Each structure stands twice: as C-alpha cells, then as structure tokens.
Protein backbone atom coordinates (compact mmCIF):
# COMPACT_ATOMS: atom_id res chain seq x y z
CA MET A 1 0.00 -0.02 -0.01
CA THR A 2 1.38 3.34 -0.99
CA ARG A 3 1.69 6.32 1.27
CA SER A 4 -0.90 8.30 -0.74
CA ALA A 5 -3.36 5.34 -0.51
CA ALA A 6 -2.97 4.96 3.26
CA ARG A 7 -3.47 8.68 3.88
CA PRO A 8 -7.13 9.32 5.01
CA SER A 9 -9.03 11.69 2.77
CA ARG A 10 -9.68 15.10 4.28
CA PRO A 11 -13.28 16.26 4.51
CA VAL A 12 -14.14 19.00 2.15
CA PRO A 13 -14.92 22.28 4.10
CA THR A 14 -18.50 23.42 3.65
CA GLY A 15 -17.84 27.04 4.47
CA ARG A 16 -20.78 27.36 6.77
CA PRO A 17 -18.80 28.41 9.92
CA VAL A 18 -17.19 31.18 7.83
CA GLU A 19 -20.56 32.17 6.57
CA LEU A 20 -22.03 32.45 10.03
CA ARG A 21 -19.15 34.62 11.30
CA LEU A 22 -19.50 36.91 8.23
CA LEU A 23 -23.22 37.15 8.80
CA LEU A 24 -22.65 38.26 12.39
CA ALA A 25 -20.19 40.92 11.20
CA ALA A 26 -22.73 42.09 8.56
CA VAL A 27 -25.55 42.49 11.06
CA LEU A 28 -23.30 44.28 13.57
CA LEU A 29 -22.06 46.76 10.87
CA ALA A 30 -25.67 47.49 9.89
CA VAL A 31 -26.67 48.04 13.49
CA PHE A 32 -23.67 50.29 14.02
CA GLY A 33 -24.80 52.42 11.13
CA TYR A 34 -28.32 52.57 12.52
CA VAL A 35 -27.00 53.73 15.90
CA GLU A 36 -24.71 56.31 14.27
CA VAL A 37 -27.68 57.89 12.51
CA GLY A 38 -29.49 58.22 15.84
CA VAL A 39 -26.44 59.61 17.68
CA ASP A 40 -25.65 62.20 15.05
CA LEU A 41 -29.31 63.41 14.72
CA ASP A 42 -30.53 63.05 18.33
CA GLY A 43 -27.41 62.72 20.43
CA GLU A 44 -28.48 59.36 21.75
CA VAL A 45 -28.79 55.68 20.73
CA PRO A 46 -32.16 55.09 19.04
CA ALA A 47 -34.63 53.22 21.27
CA ASP A 48 -35.51 50.81 18.44
CA ALA A 49 -31.85 49.93 17.61
CA ALA A 50 -32.11 46.54 19.41
CA GLY A 51 -35.35 45.67 17.62
CA TYR A 52 -33.83 46.61 14.23
CA GLY A 53 -30.78 44.51 14.90
CA ALA A 54 -32.85 41.58 16.10
CA ALA A 55 -35.07 41.68 13.01
CA LEU A 56 -32.08 41.79 10.64
CA GLY A 57 -30.34 39.06 12.63
CA VAL A 58 -33.34 36.76 12.55
CA LEU A 59 -33.56 37.11 8.81
CA ALA A 60 -29.92 36.38 8.38
CA LEU A 61 -30.05 33.41 10.69
CA LEU A 62 -33.09 31.95 8.95
CA ALA A 63 -31.31 32.20 5.59
CA HIS A 64 -28.19 30.59 7.09
CA VAL A 65 -30.07 27.70 8.54
CA VAL A 66 -31.72 26.98 5.24
CA VAL A 67 -28.38 27.08 3.42
CA ARG A 68 -26.79 24.89 6.03
CA ARG A 69 -29.57 22.24 5.69
CA ARG A 70 -30.04 22.27 1.94
CA ALA A 71 -26.98 23.82 0.26
CA ARG A 72 -24.18 23.12 2.73
CA TYR A 73 -21.42 23.45 0.13
CA ALA A 74 -22.62 26.81 -1.29
CA ASP A 75 -20.27 29.80 -1.60
CA PRO A 76 -19.91 31.24 1.93
CA LEU A 77 -19.64 34.86 0.71
CA LEU A 78 -22.91 35.20 -1.27
CA LEU A 79 -25.29 35.36 1.69
CA PRO A 80 -23.25 37.67 3.95
CA ILE A 81 -22.77 40.20 1.13
CA ALA A 82 -26.46 40.20 0.41
CA VAL A 83 -27.25 40.73 4.11
CA LEU A 84 -24.70 43.56 4.44
CA LEU A 85 -25.90 45.38 1.29
CA ASN A 86 -29.51 45.00 2.46
CA GLY A 87 -28.53 46.37 5.86
CA ILE A 88 -26.70 49.35 4.34
CA GLY A 89 -29.81 50.14 2.34
CA LEU A 90 -32.06 49.98 5.40
CA VAL A 91 -29.74 52.38 7.24
CA ALA A 92 -29.63 54.81 4.34
CA ILE A 93 -33.40 54.79 3.87
CA HIS A 94 -33.91 55.22 7.62
CA ARG A 95 -31.55 58.21 7.58
CA LEU A 96 -33.53 59.78 4.69
CA ASP A 97 -36.80 59.06 6.52
CA ARG A 98 -35.61 61.16 9.37
CA ALA A 99 -35.32 64.14 6.93
CA THR A 100 -38.82 63.50 5.56
CA SER A 101 -41.90 64.21 7.60
CA GLY A 102 -44.24 61.25 7.98
CA ALA A 103 -42.03 58.89 6.01
CA GLY A 104 -41.90 55.21 6.92
CA ALA A 105 -40.00 53.77 3.94
CA ALA A 106 -37.45 51.95 6.14
CA SER A 107 -40.14 49.94 7.92
CA ALA A 108 -41.71 48.98 4.63
CA GLN A 109 -38.32 48.06 3.19
CA LEU A 110 -37.63 45.83 6.22
CA LEU A 111 -40.93 44.02 5.54
CA TRP A 112 -40.08 43.55 1.86
CA SER A 113 -36.61 42.27 2.89
CA GLY A 114 -38.40 39.76 5.15
CA LEU A 115 -40.41 38.64 2.13
CA GLY A 116 -37.25 38.43 0.04
CA VAL A 117 -35.56 36.24 2.60
CA ALA A 118 -38.64 34.00 2.69
CA LEU A 119 -38.49 33.57 -1.06
CA PHE A 120 -34.78 32.98 -0.82
CA ALA A 121 -35.47 30.09 1.53
CA ALA A 122 -38.25 28.78 -0.74
CA VAL A 123 -36.01 28.77 -3.76
CA VAL A 124 -33.13 27.05 -1.95
CA LEU A 125 -35.58 24.40 -0.55
CA LEU A 126 -37.61 23.72 -3.72
CA VAL A 127 -35.03 24.12 -6.44
CA ARG A 128 -32.96 21.05 -5.67
CA ASP A 129 -31.43 20.96 -9.16
CA HIS A 130 -31.07 24.10 -11.21
CA ARG A 131 -31.21 22.11 -14.46
CA ARG A 132 -34.86 21.54 -13.97
CA LEU A 133 -35.50 25.23 -14.71
CA GLN A 134 -34.48 24.56 -18.27
CA ARG A 135 -37.71 22.75 -18.87
CA TYR A 136 -39.74 25.95 -18.27
CA ALA A 137 -37.66 28.26 -20.37
CA TYR A 138 -40.26 29.09 -23.03
CA LEU A 139 -43.08 29.31 -20.51
CA GLY A 140 -41.00 31.66 -18.39
CA ALA A 141 -40.28 33.86 -21.45
CA LEU A 142 -44.00 34.11 -22.20
CA ALA A 143 -44.75 34.92 -18.52
CA ALA A 144 -42.03 37.60 -18.54
CA LEU A 145 -43.51 39.19 -21.71
CA VAL A 146 -46.94 39.28 -20.06
CA LEU A 147 -45.47 40.89 -16.90
CA LEU A 148 -43.94 43.64 -18.98
CA ILE A 149 -47.13 44.32 -20.96
CA LEU A 150 -49.33 44.70 -17.93
CA PRO A 151 -47.98 48.14 -16.81
CA VAL A 152 -49.03 49.62 -20.18
CA PHE A 153 -52.63 49.57 -18.91
CA PHE A 154 -51.73 51.62 -15.79
CA PRO A 155 -51.01 55.34 -15.50
CA PRO A 156 -47.41 56.43 -15.83
CA VAL A 157 -45.37 57.16 -12.66
CA TYR A 158 -42.67 59.79 -13.02
CA GLY A 159 -42.88 59.53 -16.76
CA SER A 160 -42.58 55.72 -17.09
CA ARG A 161 -45.14 52.99 -17.34
CA ILE A 162 -43.36 50.40 -15.37
CA TRP A 163 -45.61 50.07 -12.32
CA ILE A 164 -48.84 48.13 -11.46
CA THR A 165 -50.62 50.15 -8.78
CA ALA A 166 -53.56 48.95 -6.60
CA GLY A 167 -54.38 51.58 -4.05
CA PRO A 168 -51.39 52.25 -1.81
CA LEU A 169 -49.50 49.17 -3.09
CA SER A 170 -47.32 49.25 -6.21
CA PHE A 171 -45.51 46.49 -8.02
CA GLN A 172 -42.78 46.58 -10.76
CA PRO A 173 -43.13 43.40 -12.83
CA GLY A 174 -40.04 44.08 -14.88
CA GLU A 175 -37.87 43.15 -11.90
CA PHE A 176 -39.16 39.58 -12.01
CA ALA A 177 -39.10 39.41 -15.86
CA LYS A 178 -35.36 39.80 -15.91
CA ILE A 179 -34.92 36.52 -14.05
CA LEU A 180 -37.30 34.69 -16.38
CA LEU A 181 -35.55 36.18 -19.37
CA ALA A 182 -32.12 35.07 -18.08
CA VAL A 183 -33.46 31.50 -17.72
CA PHE A 184 -34.74 31.55 -21.28
CA PHE A 185 -31.56 32.91 -22.75
CA ALA A 186 -29.53 30.38 -20.83
CA ALA A 187 -31.72 27.43 -21.95
CA TYR A 188 -31.83 28.49 -25.60
CA LEU A 189 -28.17 29.35 -25.99
CA ALA A 190 -27.09 26.20 -24.22
CA VAL A 191 -28.84 24.09 -26.84
CA HIS A 192 -27.78 26.17 -29.89
CA ARG A 193 -24.31 27.46 -28.81
CA ASP A 194 -22.46 25.28 -31.33
CA ALA A 195 -24.69 26.45 -34.23
CA LEU A 196 -24.26 30.01 -33.15
CA ALA A 197 -20.44 29.74 -32.94
CA LEU A 198 -19.57 27.35 -35.77
CA THR A 199 -22.11 27.74 -38.55
CA GLY A 200 -23.43 30.51 -40.68
CA ARG A 201 -22.20 33.03 -43.25
CA ARG A 202 -18.90 34.78 -42.71
CA ILE A 203 -18.72 38.47 -43.39
CA GLY A 204 -15.16 39.66 -43.01
CA ARG A 205 -13.99 38.50 -39.57
CA LEU A 206 -17.52 38.10 -38.31
CA ARG A 207 -19.55 34.88 -38.74
CA LEU A 208 -23.30 35.42 -38.69
CA PRO A 209 -25.23 32.29 -37.49
CA PRO A 210 -28.18 30.99 -39.47
CA GLY A 211 -31.36 32.90 -39.18
CA ARG A 212 -33.37 29.84 -37.98
CA VAL A 213 -31.03 29.64 -34.95
CA LEU A 214 -30.58 33.32 -34.08
CA GLY A 215 -34.07 34.42 -35.23
CA PRO A 216 -36.16 33.18 -32.27
CA VAL A 217 -34.02 34.67 -29.63
CA LEU A 218 -33.73 37.91 -31.50
CA LEU A 219 -37.47 38.02 -32.03
CA ILE A 220 -38.20 37.59 -28.25
CA TRP A 221 -35.46 40.11 -27.33
CA ALA A 222 -37.01 42.61 -29.80
CA ALA A 223 -40.47 42.07 -28.34
CA PHE A 224 -39.18 42.76 -24.83
CA VAL A 225 -37.27 45.87 -25.85
CA GLY A 226 -40.16 47.18 -27.94
CA VAL A 227 -42.49 46.89 -24.94
CA LEU A 228 -40.00 48.61 -22.70
CA VAL A 229 -39.56 51.47 -25.17
CA LEU A 230 -43.37 51.98 -25.23
CA GLU A 231 -43.19 52.13 -21.44
CA THR A 232 -40.42 54.72 -21.63
CA ASP A 233 -38.22 52.48 -19.43
CA LEU A 234 -34.78 53.04 -20.89
CA GLY A 235 -32.94 51.52 -17.90
CA THR A 236 -34.64 48.11 -18.11
CA SER A 237 -34.27 48.11 -21.87
CA LEU A 238 -30.51 48.71 -21.50
CA LEU A 239 -30.37 45.98 -18.87
CA PHE A 240 -32.08 43.37 -21.06
CA PHE A 241 -29.92 44.30 -24.06
CA GLY A 242 -26.74 44.09 -22.11
CA LEU A 243 -27.82 40.75 -20.67
CA PHE A 244 -28.50 39.40 -24.17
CA VAL A 245 -25.08 40.48 -25.45
CA VAL A 246 -23.19 39.15 -22.48
CA MET A 247 -24.87 35.75 -22.55
CA LEU A 248 -24.47 35.53 -26.33
CA TYR A 249 -20.73 36.25 -25.98
CA VAL A 250 -20.28 33.71 -23.18
CA ALA A 251 -22.11 31.06 -25.33
CA THR A 252 -20.14 31.68 -28.51
CA ALA A 253 -16.83 33.19 -27.22
CA ARG A 254 -16.88 35.62 -30.10
CA THR A 255 -15.93 39.27 -29.32
CA GLY A 256 -17.74 40.46 -32.52
CA TRP A 257 -21.02 40.19 -30.66
CA ILE A 258 -19.91 42.80 -28.13
CA ALA A 259 -19.06 45.27 -30.90
CA ILE A 260 -22.40 44.63 -32.61
CA GLY A 261 -24.11 45.05 -29.22
CA LEU A 262 -22.49 48.37 -28.51
CA VAL A 263 -23.33 49.69 -32.01
CA LEU A 264 -27.00 48.63 -31.73
CA ALA A 265 -27.24 50.03 -28.22
CA ALA A 266 -25.94 53.36 -29.37
CA VAL A 267 -28.36 53.47 -32.31
CA GLY A 268 -31.25 52.55 -30.10
CA ALA A 269 -30.35 55.09 -27.45
CA VAL A 270 -30.09 57.94 -29.95
CA THR A 271 -33.43 56.95 -31.53
CA VAL A 272 -35.31 56.76 -28.24
CA GLY A 273 -33.64 59.94 -27.01
CA ARG A 274 -34.98 61.84 -30.02
CA LEU A 275 -38.52 60.30 -30.04
CA SER A 276 -39.28 60.36 -26.33
CA PRO A 277 -39.48 63.73 -24.61
CA HIS A 278 -38.97 62.11 -21.20
CA VAL A 279 -35.75 60.42 -22.30
CA HIS A 280 -34.64 63.48 -24.26
CA SER A 281 -34.84 65.69 -21.09
CA ARG A 282 -32.62 63.20 -19.22
CA VAL A 283 -30.04 63.24 -22.07
CA ALA A 284 -30.04 67.07 -21.95
CA ASP A 285 -29.48 67.09 -18.22
CA TRP A 286 -26.67 64.60 -18.65
CA LEU A 287 -24.94 66.74 -21.34
CA ASP A 288 -25.23 69.84 -19.16
CA PRO A 289 -25.90 68.97 -15.50
CA LEU A 290 -25.53 72.61 -14.34
CA GLY A 291 -27.59 74.04 -17.17
CA SER A 292 -30.69 74.27 -15.06
CA ILE A 293 -28.90 76.50 -12.62
CA ALA A 294 -27.66 78.83 -15.36
CA ALA A 295 -31.24 79.03 -16.72
CA GLY A 296 -32.51 80.03 -13.32
CA ARG A 297 -34.60 76.92 -12.67
CA GLY A 298 -32.49 75.66 -9.75
CA ALA A 299 -30.29 72.61 -9.44
CA ASN A 300 -31.70 69.48 -11.05
CA GLN A 301 -31.32 65.96 -9.59
CA ILE A 302 -28.02 65.22 -11.24
CA ALA A 303 -26.58 68.60 -10.17
CA GLN A 304 -27.71 67.99 -6.59
CA SER A 305 -26.16 64.52 -6.74
CA LEU A 306 -22.83 65.84 -7.94
CA PHE A 307 -22.88 68.46 -5.15
CA ALA A 308 -23.49 65.63 -2.66
CA PHE A 309 -20.54 63.64 -3.90
CA ALA A 310 -18.28 66.69 -3.83
CA TRP A 311 -19.39 67.62 -0.32
CA GLY A 312 -18.67 64.09 0.96
CA GLY A 313 -14.98 64.23 0.00
CA GLU A 314 -12.79 61.33 0.84
CA LEU A 315 -14.23 60.22 4.26
CA GLY A 316 -17.73 61.67 4.16
CA THR A 317 -19.72 63.89 6.49
CA GLY A 318 -20.95 60.99 8.68
CA LEU A 319 -24.28 59.24 8.66
CA GLY A 320 -27.06 61.76 9.34
CA ASN A 321 -24.98 64.84 8.54
CA GLY A 322 -25.57 65.10 4.80
CA HIS A 323 -28.12 66.98 2.72
CA SER A 324 -28.87 64.50 -0.12
CA VAL A 325 -32.51 64.73 0.71
CA LEU A 326 -32.55 67.94 -1.38
CA ILE A 327 -32.38 65.71 -4.43
CA GLY A 328 -36.14 65.15 -4.11
CA PHE A 329 -38.45 62.25 -4.75
CA ALA A 330 -35.72 59.89 -6.13
CA ALA A 331 -33.39 60.35 -3.08
CA LYS A 332 -34.36 56.88 -1.72
CA SER A 333 -34.30 55.04 -5.06
CA ASP A 334 -31.76 55.63 -7.81
CA PHE A 335 -30.06 58.55 -6.09
CA ILE A 336 -29.54 56.79 -2.83
CA LEU A 337 -25.97 56.22 -3.99
CA ALA A 338 -25.57 60.00 -3.56
CA THR A 339 -26.44 59.71 0.14
CA LEU A 340 -23.78 57.05 0.61
CA GLY A 341 -21.25 59.14 -1.34
CA GLU A 342 -21.93 62.21 0.77
CA GLU A 343 -22.07 60.66 4.24
CA LEU A 344 -19.61 57.81 3.73
CA GLY A 345 -17.35 59.53 1.38
CA LEU A 346 -15.21 58.14 -1.37
CA ALA A 347 -13.91 55.42 0.95
CA GLY A 348 -17.39 54.18 1.83
CA LEU A 349 -18.49 54.36 -1.77
CA ILE A 350 -15.52 52.21 -2.86
CA ALA A 351 -16.37 49.69 -0.11
CA VAL A 352 -19.89 49.32 -1.42
CA PHE A 353 -18.69 48.92 -5.02
CA LEU A 354 -16.25 46.28 -3.80
CA LEU A 355 -19.05 44.38 -2.16
CA TYR A 356 -20.90 44.33 -5.50
CA ALA A 357 -17.68 43.33 -7.28
CA VAL A 358 -17.13 40.37 -4.98
CA LEU A 359 -20.74 39.29 -5.33
CA VAL A 360 -20.59 39.39 -9.15
CA SER A 361 -17.15 37.71 -9.23
CA ARG A 362 -18.42 34.83 -7.11
CA GLY A 363 -21.32 34.50 -9.42
CA PHE A 364 -19.01 34.32 -12.40
CA ARG A 365 -16.83 31.85 -10.54
CA THR A 366 -19.85 29.65 -9.90
CA GLY A 367 -20.70 29.69 -13.59
CA ILE A 368 -17.17 28.75 -14.62
CA ALA A 369 -17.08 25.86 -12.12
CA LEU A 370 -20.35 24.34 -13.35
CA ARG A 371 -20.06 21.68 -16.04
CA ASP A 372 -23.48 21.83 -17.63
CA PRO A 373 -23.89 24.66 -20.24
CA PHE A 374 -27.24 25.79 -18.97
CA GLY A 375 -26.04 26.30 -15.42
CA ARG A 376 -22.84 28.02 -16.56
CA LEU A 377 -24.84 30.50 -18.71
CA LEU A 378 -27.49 31.02 -16.05
CA ALA A 379 -25.06 31.77 -13.23
CA ILE A 380 -23.12 34.18 -15.33
CA GLY A 381 -26.31 35.83 -16.62
CA LEU A 382 -27.67 36.34 -13.06
CA ALA A 383 -24.34 37.80 -11.94
CA ALA A 384 -24.30 40.04 -15.05
CA ILE A 385 -27.77 41.35 -14.09
CA VAL A 386 -26.38 42.68 -10.82
CA ALA A 387 -23.31 44.12 -12.50
CA LEU A 388 -25.21 45.81 -15.25
CA GLN A 389 -27.75 47.26 -12.85
CA VAL A 390 -25.00 48.70 -10.65
CA PHE A 391 -23.24 50.17 -13.64
CA VAL A 392 -26.38 51.72 -15.01
CA VAL A 393 -27.35 53.24 -11.64
CA ALA A 394 -23.92 54.43 -10.70
CA GLY A 395 -23.24 55.82 -14.20
CA GLY A 396 -26.45 57.79 -14.21
CA VAL A 397 -26.01 59.18 -10.66
CA LEU A 398 -22.39 60.13 -11.41
CA ALA A 399 -23.36 61.69 -14.76
CA LEU A 400 -21.27 59.24 -16.75
CA ILE A 401 -24.30 58.11 -18.75
CA PRO A 402 -27.88 59.51 -18.97
CA LEU A 403 -30.05 58.81 -16.02
CA THR A 404 -32.22 55.71 -16.41
CA GLY A 405 -34.29 55.44 -13.24
CA MET A 406 -33.25 52.00 -12.06
CA THR A 407 -32.76 50.87 -8.45
CA LEU A 408 -29.47 49.95 -6.81
CA PRO A 409 -29.60 46.25 -5.88
CA PHE A 410 -30.43 45.61 -2.28
CA VAL A 411 -29.71 49.25 -1.24
CA ALA A 412 -32.43 51.40 -2.95
CA GLN A 413 -36.03 51.53 -1.81
CA GLY A 414 -38.22 49.22 -3.77
CA GLY A 415 -39.96 46.09 -2.71
CA SER A 416 -39.95 44.40 -6.10
CA SER A 417 -36.26 45.07 -6.51
CA VAL A 418 -35.13 43.68 -3.14
CA VAL A 419 -37.33 40.59 -3.52
CA THR A 420 -35.97 39.76 -6.98
CA ASN A 421 -32.37 40.33 -5.82
CA TRP A 422 -32.88 37.88 -3.04
CA ILE A 423 -34.20 35.33 -5.56
CA ILE A 424 -31.08 35.91 -7.68
CA VAL A 425 -28.81 35.24 -4.69
CA ALA A 426 -30.82 32.11 -3.89
CA LEU A 427 -30.31 30.70 -7.37
CA LEU A 428 -26.56 31.52 -7.17
CA VAL A 429 -26.39 29.81 -3.75
CA ARG A 430 -28.10 26.74 -5.21
CA MET A 431 -25.75 26.61 -8.22
CA SER A 432 -22.61 27.29 -6.22
CA ASP A 433 -23.59 24.31 -3.95
CA THR A 434 -23.61 22.15 -7.08
CA ALA A 435 -20.31 23.52 -8.32
CA ARG A 436 -18.50 23.10 -5.00
CA ARG A 437 -19.98 19.88 -3.89
CA PRO A 438 -17.53 16.92 -3.77
CA ALA A 439 -17.95 14.36 -6.49
CA PRO A 440 -19.35 11.42 -4.47
CA VAL A 441 -21.81 13.70 -2.64
CA ALA A 442 -22.85 15.24 -5.97
CA ALA A 443 -23.46 11.72 -7.43
CA ARG A 444 -25.67 10.74 -4.49
CA SER A 445 -27.56 13.98 -4.57
CA ALA A 446 -28.28 13.61 -8.31
CA ALA A 447 -29.51 10.07 -7.59
CA GLY A 448 -32.02 11.41 -5.02
CA GLY A 449 -30.07 10.61 -1.86
CA ARG A 450 -29.04 13.05 0.81
CA PRO A 451 -25.33 13.76 1.45
C-alpha cells in the first residue's frame, strides 16, 4: 500500500462556519450604522436599535439555517454580502426618513426584505437541481412578456409605465421578468451554442449564425425591448440588451457580438432619445448637468447628486450629517447612492462597489465551475444582471451616462427590486452548492439521496 493510499481523505470544508461569522459581522455593521444615525441626529442611541438589529439578525439566521440544511457546500460569501448590502440600504433609507416628515420607507423596506428572505429560503428548498429550470424556459419567457405588458394599462409614474398600482400598493413586474428572461436565454443558448459559434455566413472577420437559430431569440429580445420602449423604461431596456449581449458572448466566445451590441445600443439610445421627450430631457441634463442653474430653474437631480458627492469628499460627512434629501423624490431610489457618497465619502463608496464586485465575481466563478452549459450561462447571466444594474445606476447618478431610473440592488427603496435580488442570490447559492460539492456527494444527490 502506497503512502498516498494509506493517507485518509480530508473532509471538504463546507464554508458554513465562515458564513455564520461573516453574517454576524454584517448584522453588527448595519446596527452600528443605525446607531450612528441616531447619535448624530438626536445625540443618543435610538430606542428601536435593538429591535432593528434583532429583526435583521433573525432574517440572516433563517437564511443561514436553510443554506446549512439544503446547500451546505454553497459559496460562503454570497449570503453575507447580500445581508450587508440590504442592511446598508435599510440604514440609508432610515436616515432619509428622518429628513422627511411622516415617512416610513425603512419599515416598509424591512418588511419587503423579510419577504425576500422568505422567497430565498423557498428557492433554496424547492429548487434542488437548477437544471430543472431549463424545462420551463419558453413558459418563463411568455410569462415575462406578459409581466412587461401589464404596466401599459396603468397610468405612468414619473414619466414611465413600469408600475402596477392597486391603491397604496405598487409592483414593478419588470424586476421579475429579468430573471425569467435570463433562464430563457441560458436554456436556448445552451442548446444552440455550437450552431451560433460554428455555422453561418462569414462577413469579414464576423460569422453570422443561421437565421433559424438566431431568429427566435432575436425576436423575443426585440419584443421585450419594444414593450419597454413603449413604457419609456430606458434603464430596463438597457439591462435586457446588455444581458442578451453578455450571454451571447459567453455562449459563442466571439468578441464580435460585443461590438455589434455596442453599435446597436448606441443606435437605439439615440433613436429613443429623439422620439421620447422624457428620455430627451434626461439626455439634456446629462450633457449639461448645471444648465438648469444657469437658466434660473435651480439645481436638477443630477446637479444635486454631484454636489453631494463633492461635499462628501474622501471620508464623508458622517451618517445623518448630509443633505442629499434635497435631491427630491428619487433620493431613496436611484439617487440613494448620492447619500452614501456624501455621508460615507469616497472610501465608503468604494467599499460598497467592492461588495458588488465580490458578489458578481463569485457568481462568475460559480458559472465557470459548473459543467453543464445551462447552469454556466444562467449563473453568469444572473451575476451580469447585478453588474449591469449597478453600472447603469452608478453611471447615471455620477453623470457618466444618462439617468435611467433603475434601483441599486439591495440598497435602494423598492420592494420588487429587493425581492428579486434575493431570488437571484438564492439561485446563485443553489448553483454554487452544485459547483463546490464533492464528486461522491454530488453523485448521491443527483440520484435522489441526501449527503
């Protein structure tokens, strides 16, 4: 018997103890931020700080228990990052509530976060194998299209028809449509990736795949973008277009698709900017953020946002000491990033961006580790949704691109957004468990046994 054969095999670490410690740190950081807001504004610790910390801690512990029981080999960084970003968002919304009379957005956001964690647990428990989602790809695409069409029959909100309203409640179906669309793209491209990459007519250095292969996915994509253009929702249109280009590139490994995607995106943006007055005004504000001040109309939202970033400097003014509430009605949604930039400074803003970067990179790593094409494309697509959304929001608030009106994942106010982001993390947790699971355990799990 050789020495290597006699050596006992080491158990593969699950990562759950690391996850639990990181969750504790995430909850404590969020509670510290909540306390700092109260101390800076009132000079004392808020009376409900313990209740806030307990609520966030219970949600984090519930999610951890579900992962420990059903996805014990999942990536240990995904859940703590989601909890920390959610906690940062609750602190920022609470801070803005204090500057708005009669506002209770933080309490509502906490309830939506609880619903998001409940759906996170449901997805981890019910989706035992991500490959089963491939069976419902076309049904999911149809459901997503229906979800996007429904807001057309409701009145516009802030210039866009993206909301379904029923009394005091509102619902943004496009947030759920992006997950269904990612599942469809992953399923379709997994089946036809060879035909897209190896067959078709060559034009110069670019090979165009056959129309019968690329046609259906282009038709569905065009239908989605067409509906979104009618709803004047440029941000979601840009998100869906970017998702389509990223997943097509991953499936074919051809950089030409990125060039074509950028050209088509530019043409579409110019066309919509000229035809839609709502989008045109946002483009005008982007080209000249301070033009409204020179015209005597006061500072617009982008100008106020730039002032907030400048006032924050490197280290920020401290939680509760900023004036980003002057931005107006969007201070708690897309412009909540300006609050973080002003009160946490450049250092805090970089830390938030790094959290998103780690979350996206772990999603990409999960996709690369998976062996099935559908899972690989789905994991990368879901991670790309988060990356594209952060880029679109940050670019608009920082005046790098025209403002689109999207929400910052986990941080901005919005029940639909926080719920769908928790579902995205749940799917990534499920797929990372499959990717990191030891081979014998994976074989028993695929056969229906428990590890």
